[in-house]
Amino acid sequence: MRTTYGREISNTGMVAYFEQLTGDVYKLLPIFESQKFGELSICIETLLIELNSSKRLLMVGDVDFIKLITTLEPLLDINEHAKFRRQVFKCTNLCQKMLKRYMIEGGG
């Protein structure tokens, strides 16, 4: 994949990125459950900034990538555990779907 700066990122690099992103999103659940809502907001906002930057940098026009951002953003306002958990799992499933796509494209 070519970035907006003309540099190439291998499929292996993209797989590693989505593996790490999956973990970062999943870590939101225990933070929510510990009721550290200030820390939770910071983590969610940090992920959103990263994803929006990734979208511009990597030229990701991927519908799943856009769905990830739009599924993650409402977590800032969800207070119910079941809804929060459902959204976190939707996000991690989207990350895994993109990760698998890059594994297949990279032959891995």
N, C-alpha and C. Protein backbone atom coordinates (compact mmCIF):
# COMPACT_ATOMS: atom_id res chain seq x y z
N MET A 1 0.85 -1.17 0.00
CA MET A 1 0.00 0.00 0.00
C MET A 1 0.89 1.24 0.00
N ARG A 2 0.53 2.19 -0.83
CA ARG A 2 1.29 3.43 -0.92
C ARG A 2 0.62 4.50 -0.04
N THR A 3 1.44 5.21 0.75
CA THR A 3 0.93 6.30 1.58
C THR A 3 0.82 7.58 0.75
N THR A 4 0.21 8.59 1.33
CA THR A 4 0.09 9.87 0.64
C THR A 4 1.46 10.52 0.44
N TYR A 5 2.47 10.05 1.16
CA TYR A 5 3.82 10.58 1.02
C TYR A 5 4.66 9.75 0.06
N GLY A 6 4.03 8.81 -0.63
CA GLY A 6 4.71 8.02 -1.64
C GLY A 6 5.49 6.83 -1.12
N ARG A 7 5.42 6.56 0.16
CA ARG A 7 6.14 5.41 0.73
C ARG A 7 5.24 4.19 0.70
N GLU A 8 5.87 3.04 0.56
CA GLU A 8 5.14 1.77 0.54
C GLU A 8 5.08 1.18 1.94
N ILE A 9 3.93 0.62 2.29
CA ILE A 9 3.78 -0.16 3.51
C ILE A 9 3.36 -1.56 3.05
N SER A 10 4.10 -2.55 3.49
CA SER A 10 3.82 -3.92 3.07
C SER A 10 2.53 -4.43 3.69
N ASN A 11 2.01 -5.49 3.09
CA ASN A 11 0.83 -6.14 3.68
C ASN A 11 1.15 -6.66 5.08
N THR A 12 2.39 -7.10 5.28
CA THR A 12 2.81 -7.55 6.61
C THR A 12 2.70 -6.41 7.62
N GLY A 13 3.11 -5.23 7.19
CA GLY A 13 2.99 -4.06 8.06
C GLY A 13 1.54 -3.71 8.35
N MET A 14 0.68 -3.84 7.36
CA MET A 14 -0.74 -3.56 7.56
C MET A 14 -1.38 -4.61 8.48
N VAL A 15 -0.97 -5.87 8.33
CA VAL A 15 -1.47 -6.92 9.23
C VAL A 15 -1.08 -6.59 10.67
N ALA A 16 0.18 -6.21 10.88
CA ALA A 16 0.65 -5.86 12.22
C ALA A 16 -0.14 -4.66 12.77
N TYR A 17 -0.43 -3.68 11.90
CA TYR A 17 -1.19 -2.51 12.31
C TYR A 17 -2.59 -2.92 12.79
N PHE A 18 -3.28 -3.77 12.02
CA PHE A 18 -4.63 -4.17 12.40
C PHE A 18 -4.64 -5.12 13.59
N GLU A 19 -3.57 -5.89 13.78
CA GLU A 19 -3.47 -6.72 14.99
C GLU A 19 -3.37 -5.82 16.22
N GLN A 20 -2.51 -4.82 16.14
CA GLN A 20 -2.35 -3.90 17.27
C GLN A 20 -3.62 -3.10 17.51
N LEU A 21 -4.25 -2.65 16.43
CA LEU A 21 -5.49 -1.88 16.55
C LEU A 21 -6.59 -2.71 17.21
N THR A 22 -6.67 -3.99 16.85
CA THR A 22 -7.66 -4.88 17.48
C THR A 22 -7.45 -4.90 18.99
N GLY A 23 -6.20 -5.06 19.41
CA GLY A 23 -5.89 -5.08 20.84
C GLY A 23 -6.20 -3.76 21.52
N ASP A 24 -5.88 -2.65 20.86
CA ASP A 24 -6.14 -1.33 21.44
C ASP A 24 -7.64 -1.10 21.64
N VAL A 25 -8.44 -1.54 20.67
CA VAL A 25 -9.90 -1.39 20.80
C VAL A 25 -10.42 -2.30 21.90
N TYR A 26 -9.95 -3.53 21.94
CA TYR A 26 -10.42 -4.47 22.96
C TYR A 26 -10.10 -3.98 24.38
N LYS A 27 -8.97 -3.29 24.55
CA LYS A 27 -8.57 -2.78 25.87
C LYS A 27 -9.56 -1.76 26.43
N LEU A 28 -10.42 -1.21 25.56
CA LEU A 28 -11.42 -0.26 26.03
C LEU A 28 -12.42 -0.91 26.98
N LEU A 29 -12.71 -2.17 26.77
CA LEU A 29 -13.72 -2.86 27.58
C LEU A 29 -13.35 -2.93 29.06
N PRO A 30 -12.15 -3.39 29.43
CA PRO A 30 -11.82 -3.40 30.86
C PRO A 30 -11.72 -1.99 31.47
N ILE A 31 -11.34 -1.01 30.67
CA ILE A 31 -11.30 0.37 31.19
C ILE A 31 -12.72 0.83 31.50
N PHE A 32 -13.67 0.52 30.61
CA PHE A 32 -15.08 0.85 30.85
C PHE A 32 -15.58 0.14 32.11
N GLU A 33 -15.26 -1.14 32.23
CA GLU A 33 -15.73 -1.95 33.36
C GLU A 33 -15.15 -1.49 34.69
N SER A 34 -13.95 -0.90 34.67
CA SER A 34 -13.35 -0.37 35.90
C SER A 34 -13.87 1.03 36.22
N GLN A 35 -14.71 1.54 35.36
CA GLN A 35 -15.36 2.85 35.52
C GLN A 35 -14.36 4.00 35.60
N LYS A 36 -13.27 3.88 34.86
CA LYS A 36 -12.30 4.96 34.74
C LYS A 36 -12.67 5.76 33.49
N PHE A 37 -13.77 6.52 33.60
CA PHE A 37 -14.35 7.14 32.42
C PHE A 37 -13.48 8.26 31.84
N GLY A 38 -12.71 8.94 32.66
CA GLY A 38 -11.78 9.95 32.14
C GLY A 38 -10.72 9.30 31.27
N GLU A 39 -10.15 8.21 31.77
CA GLU A 39 -9.14 7.46 31.00
C GLU A 39 -9.76 6.87 29.74
N LEU A 40 -10.99 6.39 29.85
CA LEU A 40 -11.69 5.81 28.70
C LEU A 40 -11.86 6.83 27.59
N SER A 41 -12.31 8.04 27.94
CA SER A 41 -12.50 9.09 26.94
C SER A 41 -11.19 9.42 26.23
N ILE A 42 -10.12 9.49 27.00
CA ILE A 42 -8.80 9.79 26.40
C ILE A 42 -8.40 8.69 25.43
N CYS A 43 -8.59 7.43 25.83
CA CYS A 43 -8.22 6.29 24.96
C CYS A 43 -9.04 6.28 23.67
N ILE A 44 -10.34 6.51 23.78
CA ILE A 44 -11.20 6.52 22.60
C ILE A 44 -10.82 7.68 21.68
N GLU A 45 -10.64 8.86 22.25
CA GLU A 45 -10.27 10.02 21.44
C GLU A 45 -8.93 9.81 20.75
N THR A 46 -7.98 9.21 21.45
CA THR A 46 -6.66 8.92 20.87
C THR A 46 -6.80 7.96 19.69
N LEU A 47 -7.62 6.91 19.85
CA LEU A 47 -7.84 5.97 18.75
C LEU A 47 -8.50 6.67 17.56
N LEU A 48 -9.46 7.54 17.82
CA LEU A 48 -10.14 8.25 16.73
C LEU A 48 -9.17 9.16 15.98
N ILE A 49 -8.30 9.83 16.71
CA ILE A 49 -7.29 10.68 16.06
C ILE A 49 -6.38 9.82 15.19
N GLU A 50 -5.93 8.69 15.73
CA GLU A 50 -5.06 7.79 14.97
C GLU A 50 -5.76 7.28 13.72
N LEU A 51 -7.00 6.86 13.86
CA LEU A 51 -7.73 6.31 12.71
C LEU A 51 -7.97 7.36 11.64
N ASN A 52 -8.32 8.56 12.06
CA ASN A 52 -8.53 9.62 11.07
C ASN A 52 -7.23 9.97 10.36
N SER A 53 -6.13 9.96 11.08
CA SER A 53 -4.82 10.20 10.45
C SER A 53 -4.48 9.05 9.51
N SER A 54 -4.75 7.83 9.95
CA SER A 54 -4.47 6.66 9.10
C SER A 54 -5.27 6.73 7.82
N LYS A 55 -6.51 7.16 7.94
CA LYS A 55 -7.37 7.26 6.76
C LYS A 55 -6.77 8.21 5.74
N ARG A 56 -6.25 9.35 6.20
CA ARG A 56 -5.63 10.31 5.28
C ARG A 56 -4.28 9.82 4.78
N LEU A 57 -3.45 9.29 5.70
CA LEU A 57 -2.09 8.88 5.36
C LEU A 57 -2.08 7.67 4.43
N LEU A 58 -2.92 6.72 4.71
CA LEU A 58 -2.90 5.47 3.95
C LEU A 58 -3.89 5.46 2.80
N MET A 59 -4.62 6.54 2.66
CA MET A 59 -5.62 6.64 1.59
C MET A 59 -6.60 5.47 1.66
N VAL A 60 -7.03 5.14 2.85
CA VAL A 60 -7.94 4.02 3.03
C VAL A 60 -9.35 4.46 2.68
N GLY A 61 -9.84 3.99 1.54
CA GLY A 61 -11.22 4.26 1.14
C GLY A 61 -12.09 3.06 1.46
N ASP A 62 -11.57 2.20 2.29
CA ASP A 62 -12.21 0.95 2.66
C ASP A 62 -13.48 1.22 3.48
N VAL A 63 -14.59 0.66 3.04
CA VAL A 63 -15.86 0.84 3.75
C VAL A 63 -15.75 0.33 5.18
N ASP A 64 -15.06 -0.78 5.39
CA ASP A 64 -14.91 -1.32 6.74
C ASP A 64 -14.11 -0.38 7.64
N PHE A 65 -13.13 0.31 7.06
CA PHE A 65 -12.34 1.27 7.83
C PHE A 65 -13.22 2.44 8.26
N ILE A 66 -14.05 2.92 7.36
CA ILE A 66 -14.97 4.01 7.69
C ILE A 66 -15.99 3.54 8.73
N LYS A 67 -16.49 2.31 8.58
CA LYS A 67 -17.43 1.76 9.56
C LYS A 67 -16.77 1.65 10.93
N LEU A 68 -15.48 1.32 10.96
CA LEU A 68 -14.76 1.24 12.23
C LEU A 68 -14.78 2.59 12.94
N ILE A 69 -14.48 3.65 12.21
CA ILE A 69 -14.48 4.99 12.81
C ILE A 69 -15.87 5.36 13.31
N THR A 70 -16.88 5.10 12.49
CA THR A 70 -18.24 5.49 12.87
C THR A 70 -18.84 4.59 13.95
N THR A 71 -18.27 3.42 14.16
CA THR A 71 -18.71 2.54 15.24
C THR A 71 -17.98 2.87 16.53
N LEU A 72 -16.74 3.32 16.43
CA LEU A 72 -15.93 3.66 17.60
C LEU A 72 -16.36 4.99 18.22
N GLU A 73 -16.67 5.96 17.42
CA GLU A 73 -16.97 7.31 17.92
C GLU A 73 -18.13 7.34 18.93
N PRO A 74 -19.23 6.62 18.72
CA PRO A 74 -20.32 6.66 19.69
C PRO A 74 -19.97 6.09 21.07
N LEU A 75 -18.85 5.36 21.18
CA LEU A 75 -18.45 4.83 22.48
C LEU A 75 -18.23 5.94 23.50
N LEU A 76 -17.95 7.14 23.04
CA LEU A 76 -17.76 8.27 23.95
C LEU A 76 -19.02 8.57 24.74
N ASP A 77 -20.19 8.21 24.20
CA ASP A 77 -21.46 8.56 24.84
C ASP A 77 -22.25 7.38 25.38
N ILE A 78 -21.76 6.17 25.21
CA ILE A 78 -22.51 4.99 25.67
C ILE A 78 -22.16 4.70 27.13
N ASN A 79 -23.19 4.60 27.97
CA ASN A 79 -22.99 4.33 29.39
C ASN A 79 -23.44 2.94 29.81
N GLU A 80 -24.17 2.25 28.96
CA GLU A 80 -24.69 0.94 29.28
C GLU A 80 -23.69 -0.14 28.87
N HIS A 81 -23.37 -1.03 29.81
CA HIS A 81 -22.34 -2.04 29.59
C HIS A 81 -22.62 -2.91 28.36
N ALA A 82 -23.83 -3.41 28.22
CA ALA A 82 -24.15 -4.31 27.10
C ALA A 82 -23.97 -3.61 25.76
N LYS A 83 -24.41 -2.36 25.67
CA LYS A 83 -24.26 -1.61 24.41
C LYS A 83 -22.79 -1.33 24.13
N PHE A 84 -22.05 -0.94 25.17
CA PHE A 84 -20.63 -0.64 25.01
C PHE A 84 -19.89 -1.88 24.53
N ARG A 85 -20.16 -2.99 25.19
CA ARG A 85 -19.51 -4.25 24.83
C ARG A 85 -19.82 -4.65 23.39
N ARG A 86 -21.08 -4.51 23.00
CA ARG A 86 -21.49 -4.86 21.64
C ARG A 86 -20.73 -4.01 20.61
N GLN A 87 -20.60 -2.70 20.88
CA GLN A 87 -19.89 -1.82 19.96
C GLN A 87 -18.40 -2.16 19.90
N VAL A 88 -17.81 -2.48 21.04
CA VAL A 88 -16.39 -2.86 21.06
C VAL A 88 -16.18 -4.10 20.21
N PHE A 89 -17.06 -5.09 20.34
CA PHE A 89 -16.91 -6.31 19.55
C PHE A 89 -17.17 -6.06 18.06
N LYS A 90 -18.07 -5.14 17.74
CA LYS A 90 -18.26 -4.77 16.34
C LYS A 90 -16.97 -4.17 15.79
N CYS A 91 -16.32 -3.33 16.59
CA CYS A 91 -15.06 -2.71 16.16
C CYS A 91 -13.96 -3.75 15.98
N THR A 92 -13.82 -4.66 16.94
CA THR A 92 -12.76 -5.66 16.82
C THR A 92 -13.03 -6.60 15.65
N ASN A 93 -14.29 -6.90 15.39
CA ASN A 93 -14.63 -7.73 14.22
C ASN A 93 -14.25 -7.03 12.92
N LEU A 94 -14.48 -5.73 12.84
CA LEU A 94 -14.08 -4.97 11.65
C LEU A 94 -12.56 -4.98 11.50
N CYS A 95 -11.84 -4.81 12.59
CA CYS A 95 -10.37 -4.86 12.54
C CYS A 95 -9.91 -6.22 12.03
N GLN A 96 -10.51 -7.28 12.53
CA GLN A 96 -10.13 -8.62 12.12
C GLN A 96 -10.46 -8.87 10.65
N LYS A 97 -11.57 -8.33 10.20
CA LYS A 97 -11.95 -8.48 8.79
C LYS A 97 -10.91 -7.83 7.89
N MET A 98 -10.46 -6.62 8.27
CA MET A 98 -9.44 -5.93 7.47
C MET A 98 -8.10 -6.64 7.57
N LEU A 99 -7.77 -7.11 8.76
CA LEU A 99 -6.52 -7.85 8.95
C LEU A 99 -6.49 -9.07 8.04
N LYS A 100 -7.57 -9.84 7.99
CA LYS A 100 -7.63 -11.03 7.14
C LYS A 100 -7.50 -10.67 5.67
N ARG A 101 -8.07 -9.54 5.28
CA ARG A 101 -7.96 -9.11 3.88
C ARG A 101 -6.50 -8.88 3.52
N TYR A 102 -5.74 -8.22 4.39
CA TYR A 102 -4.34 -7.96 4.10
C TYR A 102 -3.51 -9.24 4.17
N MET A 103 -3.91 -10.19 5.01
CA MET A 103 -3.21 -11.48 5.06
C MET A 103 -3.39 -12.22 3.74
N ILE A 104 -4.61 -12.18 3.20
CA ILE A 104 -4.89 -12.86 1.94
C ILE A 104 -4.16 -12.16 0.79
N GLU A 105 -4.21 -10.82 0.77
CA GLU A 105 -3.53 -10.07 -0.30
C GLU A 105 -2.02 -10.27 -0.26
N GLY A 106 -1.50 -10.47 0.97
CA GLY A 106 -0.06 -10.66 1.12
C GLY A 106 0.37 -12.11 0.99
N GLY A 107 -0.63 -12.97 0.82
CA GLY A 107 -0.31 -14.39 0.65
C GLY A 107 -0.02 -15.10 1.95
N GLY A 108 -0.37 -14.45 3.12
CA GLY A 108 -0.04 -15.07 4.39
C GLY A 108 -1.13 -15.71 5.09
